[in-house]
Protein backbone atom coordinates (compact mmCIF):
# COMPACT_ATOMS: atom_id res chain seq x y z
CA UNK A 1 -15.58 100.67 -152.33
CA UNK A 2 -17.45 97.24 -152.60
CA UNK A 3 -18.78 94.99 -149.64
CA UNK A 4 -16.61 92.15 -148.63
CA UNK A 5 -17.45 88.60 -150.15
CA UNK A 6 -18.76 86.16 -148.09
CA UNK A 7 -17.94 83.07 -150.34
CA UNK A 8 -15.23 82.27 -152.68
CA UNK A 9 -15.00 82.99 -156.02
CA UNK A 10 -14.04 79.65 -157.10
CA UNK A 11 -16.13 76.63 -155.83
CA UNK A 12 -12.77 74.57 -155.59
CA UNK A 13 -10.44 76.54 -153.89
CA UNK A 14 -6.87 76.99 -156.05
CA UNK A 15 -3.55 75.44 -154.95
CA UNK A 16 -1.57 78.35 -153.62
CA UNK A 17 1.29 79.93 -155.57
CA UNK A 18 5.02 78.72 -154.47
CA UNK A 19 6.92 81.96 -152.83
CA UNK A 20 8.91 82.54 -155.99
CA UNK A 21 5.33 82.83 -157.99
CA UNK A 22 4.67 85.41 -155.64
CA UNK A 23 7.10 87.22 -155.63
CA UNK A 24 7.13 87.25 -159.54
CA UNK A 25 3.34 87.93 -159.24
CA UNK A 26 4.22 91.40 -157.09
CA UNK A 27 6.82 92.19 -159.31
CA UNK A 28 5.06 92.32 -162.53
CA UNK A 29 2.40 94.60 -160.85
CA UNK A 30 4.80 96.98 -159.74
CA UNK A 31 6.48 97.31 -162.81
CA UNK A 32 3.38 98.21 -164.44
CA UNK A 33 2.26 100.64 -162.24
CA UNK A 34 5.09 101.17 -159.61
CA UNK A 35 2.74 103.68 -157.71
CA UNK A 36 -0.66 103.06 -157.28
CA UNK A 37 -3.26 105.44 -155.37
CA UNK A 38 -6.76 104.90 -154.46
CA UNK A 39 -9.39 105.83 -156.77
CA UNK A 40 -11.33 107.99 -153.85
CA UNK A 41 -10.45 111.21 -153.78
CA UNK A 42 -9.45 113.44 -150.77
CA UNK A 43 -8.39 116.63 -149.17
CA UNK A 44 -7.15 115.03 -146.01
CA UNK A 45 -6.98 111.74 -143.58
CA UNK A 46 -10.60 113.23 -142.22
CA UNK A 47 -12.22 113.31 -145.77
CA UNK A 48 -10.75 109.91 -146.80
CA UNK A 49 -12.61 108.26 -143.84
CA UNK A 50 -15.44 109.95 -144.70
CA UNK A 51 -14.66 108.82 -148.37
CA UNK A 52 -14.37 105.18 -147.37
CA UNK A 53 -17.43 104.78 -145.09
CA UNK A 54 -19.43 106.10 -147.97
CA UNK A 55 -17.63 103.30 -150.12
CA UNK A 56 -19.58 100.25 -148.80
CA UNK A 57 -21.77 98.66 -151.17
CA UNK A 58 -20.78 101.33 -153.70
CA UNK A 59 -18.58 102.60 -156.45
CA UNK A 60 -15.28 104.97 -155.72
CA UNK A 61 -16.58 106.63 -158.97
CA UNK A 62 -20.34 107.10 -157.24
CA UNK A 63 -18.38 108.30 -154.14
CA UNK A 64 -16.27 111.02 -155.89
CA UNK A 65 -19.28 112.22 -157.45
CA UNK A 66 -20.72 112.95 -154.18
CA UNK A 67 -17.98 113.67 -152.14
CA UNK A 68 -16.56 116.28 -153.94
CA UNK A 69 -19.63 119.13 -153.22
CA UNK A 70 -19.75 117.63 -149.80
CA UNK A 71 -15.98 118.41 -149.21
CA UNK A 72 -16.12 121.49 -150.59
CA UNK A 73 -18.01 122.48 -148.12
CA UNK A 74 -17.05 120.13 -144.89
CA UNK A 75 -13.44 118.90 -145.08
CA UNK A 76 -13.27 118.72 -141.22
CA UNK A 77 -14.92 117.08 -138.45
CA UNK A 78 -16.13 120.62 -137.19
CA UNK A 79 -17.36 121.91 -140.20
CA UNK A 80 -19.07 118.61 -141.00
CA UNK A 81 -21.11 118.96 -137.60
CA UNK A 82 -21.79 122.20 -138.27
CA UNK A 83 -23.26 120.96 -141.94
CA UNK A 84 -25.81 118.74 -140.08
CA UNK A 85 -27.04 115.55 -140.61
CA UNK A 86 -29.97 116.65 -142.84
CA UNK A 87 -27.42 118.38 -145.23
CA UNK A 88 -25.01 115.44 -145.26
CA UNK A 89 -27.94 113.24 -146.31
CA UNK A 90 -28.59 115.31 -148.44
CA UNK A 91 -25.38 115.75 -150.13
CA UNK A 92 -24.69 112.05 -150.51
CA UNK A 93 -28.23 110.81 -151.75
CA UNK A 94 -26.95 109.40 -155.22
CA UNK A 95 -24.92 106.82 -152.80
CA UNK A 96 -26.78 103.42 -151.55
CA UNK A 97 -27.75 103.53 -148.12
CA UNK A 98 -27.54 107.08 -147.71
CA UNK A 99 -29.69 107.64 -144.62
CA UNK A 100 -27.45 104.98 -142.47
CA UNK A 101 -24.25 106.47 -144.03
CA UNK A 102 -24.99 110.06 -143.26
CA UNK A 103 -25.72 109.39 -139.83
CA UNK A 104 -22.53 107.90 -139.08
CA UNK A 105 -20.64 110.53 -141.03
CA UNK A 106 -21.93 112.69 -138.38
CA UNK A 107 -21.35 110.35 -135.03
CA UNK A 108 -18.05 109.50 -135.98
CA UNK A 109 -17.51 113.36 -136.87
CA UNK A 110 -18.50 114.12 -133.32
CA UNK A 111 -16.63 111.26 -131.70
CA UNK A 112 -13.35 112.14 -134.01
CA UNK A 113 -13.94 115.90 -131.96
CA UNK A 114 -14.86 114.48 -128.56
CA UNK A 115 -11.89 111.66 -128.11
CA UNK A 116 -9.57 112.83 -130.59
CA UNK A 117 -9.14 116.65 -130.81
CA UNK A 118 -10.58 116.15 -134.50
CA UNK A 119 -7.89 113.93 -135.89
CA UNK A 120 -8.07 110.69 -137.26
CA UNK A 121 -6.46 108.57 -134.73
CA UNK A 122 -3.57 105.87 -136.11
CA UNK A 123 -4.62 102.58 -134.37
CA UNK A 124 -6.89 100.06 -136.51
CA UNK A 125 -8.34 99.62 -132.90
CA UNK A 126 -9.30 103.37 -132.38
CA UNK A 127 -10.23 103.72 -135.80
CA UNK A 128 -12.95 100.60 -135.66
CA UNK A 129 -14.61 102.25 -132.31
CA UNK A 130 -15.97 105.09 -134.62
CA UNK A 131 -19.35 104.74 -136.09
CA UNK A 132 -19.58 102.97 -139.35
CA UNK A 133 -16.03 102.17 -139.24
CA UNK A 134 -15.06 97.91 -139.80
CA UNK A 135 -11.80 96.49 -139.82
CA UNK A 136 -11.85 97.26 -143.45
CA UNK A 137 -12.25 100.77 -143.49
CA UNK A 138 -9.69 100.86 -140.80
CA UNK A 139 -6.82 99.41 -142.81
CA UNK A 140 -7.49 101.64 -145.89
CA UNK A 141 -6.94 104.47 -143.90
CA UNK A 142 -4.02 102.75 -142.23
CA UNK A 143 -2.55 101.71 -145.19
CA UNK A 144 -3.27 105.17 -147.03
CA UNK A 145 -2.67 107.65 -144.65
CA UNK A 146 -0.54 106.23 -142.36
CA UNK A 147 1.63 104.07 -144.72
CA UNK A 148 0.79 100.82 -142.61
CA UNK A 149 1.29 97.35 -144.34
CA UNK A 150 -2.60 96.52 -143.89
CA UNK A 151 -4.36 94.50 -146.50
CA UNK A 152 -8.30 95.74 -147.02
CA UNK A 153 -9.66 93.17 -148.45
CA UNK A 154 -12.90 93.99 -150.23
CA UNK A 155 -14.83 91.83 -153.05
CA UNK A 156 -11.98 92.60 -155.69
CA UNK A 157 -8.76 91.65 -153.44
CA UNK A 158 -11.14 88.56 -151.82
CA UNK A 159 -11.48 87.23 -155.38
CA UNK A 160 -8.10 88.22 -156.68
CA UNK A 161 -6.82 85.71 -153.69
CA UNK A 162 -9.18 83.11 -154.29
CA UNK A 163 -8.88 83.06 -157.93
CA UNK A 164 -5.54 82.60 -158.71
CA UNK A 165 -3.92 81.05 -156.06
CA UNK A 166 -2.07 83.67 -153.79
CA UNK A 167 -3.88 83.07 -150.80
CA UNK A 168 -7.54 80.89 -150.68
CA UNK A 169 -10.10 81.71 -147.97
CA UNK A 170 -13.53 81.44 -147.10
CA UNK A 171 -13.92 84.61 -144.93
CA UNK A 172 -12.19 88.31 -146.01
CA UNK A 173 -10.03 87.70 -142.54
CA UNK A 174 -8.92 84.62 -143.80
CA UNK A 175 -8.03 85.85 -147.00
CA UNK A 176 -6.18 89.08 -145.64
CA UNK A 177 -4.18 87.12 -143.23
CA UNK A 178 -3.20 84.72 -145.81
CA UNK A 179 -1.99 87.28 -148.04
CA UNK A 180 -0.23 88.91 -144.99
CA UNK A 181 2.15 86.12 -144.67
CA UNK A 182 3.07 85.80 -147.95
CA UNK A 183 3.57 89.13 -149.59
CA UNK A 184 7.38 90.20 -149.78
CA UNK A 185 7.79 93.31 -147.02
CA UNK A 186 9.07 95.23 -150.07
CA UNK A 187 5.67 94.93 -151.44
CA UNK A 188 3.13 95.48 -149.05
CA UNK A 189 2.99 99.43 -149.25
CA UNK A 190 0.86 99.18 -152.48
CA UNK A 191 -0.19 95.46 -152.58
CA UNK A 192 -3.54 96.58 -151.34
CA UNK A 193 -4.09 99.01 -153.97
CA UNK A 194 -2.20 96.23 -156.89
CA UNK A 195 -4.88 93.86 -156.09
CA UNK A 196 -7.77 96.06 -155.91
CA UNK A 197 -6.96 97.85 -159.12
CA UNK A 198 -6.31 94.44 -160.64
CA UNK A 199 -9.41 92.57 -159.44
CA UNK A 200 -11.66 96.09 -160.35
CA UNK A 201 -10.06 96.09 -164.01
CA UNK A 202 -8.62 92.91 -165.13
CA UNK A 203 -9.52 89.78 -162.60
CA UNK A 204 -13.02 90.70 -163.02
CA UNK A 205 -16.01 88.90 -161.90
CA UNK A 206 -17.27 88.02 -165.10
CA UNK A 207 -15.05 86.75 -167.77
CA UNK A 208 -11.89 87.93 -166.33
CA UNK A 209 -9.53 89.52 -169.04
CA UNK A 210 -6.85 86.78 -168.89
CA UNK A 211 -5.51 88.40 -172.45
CA UNK A 212 -4.03 91.07 -171.00
CA UNK A 213 -3.08 90.16 -167.50
CA UNK A 214 0.35 90.35 -166.70
CA UNK A 215 0.39 86.90 -164.49
CA UNK A 216 -1.65 84.82 -166.67
CA UNK A 217 0.94 82.42 -166.46
CA UNK A 218 1.51 82.09 -163.00
CA UNK A 219 -2.57 82.20 -162.22
CA UNK A 220 -4.23 79.11 -160.91
CA UNK A 221 -7.55 80.20 -162.39
CA UNK A 222 -8.95 76.90 -164.57
CA UNK A 223 -11.14 78.73 -166.42
CA UNK A 224 -8.93 80.98 -168.18
CA UNK A 225 -10.51 82.84 -170.95
CA UNK A 226 -7.45 83.63 -173.29
CA UNK A 227 -9.53 82.08 -175.76
CA UNK A 228 -12.43 84.15 -175.42
CA UNK A 229 -10.98 87.67 -176.81
CA UNK A 230 -9.23 85.67 -179.69
CA UNK A 231 -12.89 84.19 -180.87
CA UNK A 232 -14.61 87.44 -180.15
CA UNK A 233 -11.60 89.57 -182.33
CA UNK A 234 -12.26 87.18 -185.10
CA UNK A 235 -16.14 87.73 -184.95
CA UNK A 236 -16.18 91.59 -185.30
CA UNK A 237 -13.01 91.77 -187.46
CA UNK A 238 -14.53 93.53 -190.87
CA UNK A 239 -11.35 92.95 -192.33
CA UNK A 240 -11.28 88.84 -191.31
CA UNK A 241 -14.78 88.90 -192.57
CA UNK A 242 -14.04 90.21 -195.85
CA UNK A 243 -11.09 87.86 -196.30
CA UNK A 244 -13.36 85.10 -195.68
CA UNK A 245 -15.76 86.20 -198.70
CA UNK A 246 -12.99 86.86 -201.39
């Protein structure tokens, strides 16, 4: 999971969506994907926690490639400690910042055993006390494992919040708190997943795919790219090029 962004995606903050537009926004995302799931592969709460820690400044795909073999060998804090930092480091060496992450995985595993009987705690405060665990990681675990109505703002959600007008903000925390205020309660369970997937595959950083966006008509982004796809289609279509020559 990419690290939180530090600057808004737009130079000029977008005008906020109205309550009715927010309702429509999430209703459409829900219709397209009724029960979204994290793309991180995990076995239990502990392996999810480790996977999210490893996902900082890395892609979910890259993390899954490394954690598949790792979790087959160590899916509990006890097994991870027995494996040792050197083995963990070797297993995740394809992930960015792997040396420090391996150290944190061992430290948080030890902390879970010593302070929580080997179980993943259910409060943000206790989670954030673990080595390598920040607010975003804690929010992901609380939402995915314990169905808590939390919002983990990464670079994708930060961009979507600012670009669309859902919750413009200068910091991830500002966007997080803004989203928590405006998202209807019946959508909160999956809101984090809908927004991150929307930002990852449609509302991308460069040339957002507005031509397939389900909320393009209510989005506040000024530089929509609908015309870009139409132009590209004309250039790429052999049939249309042939028709022009006849």
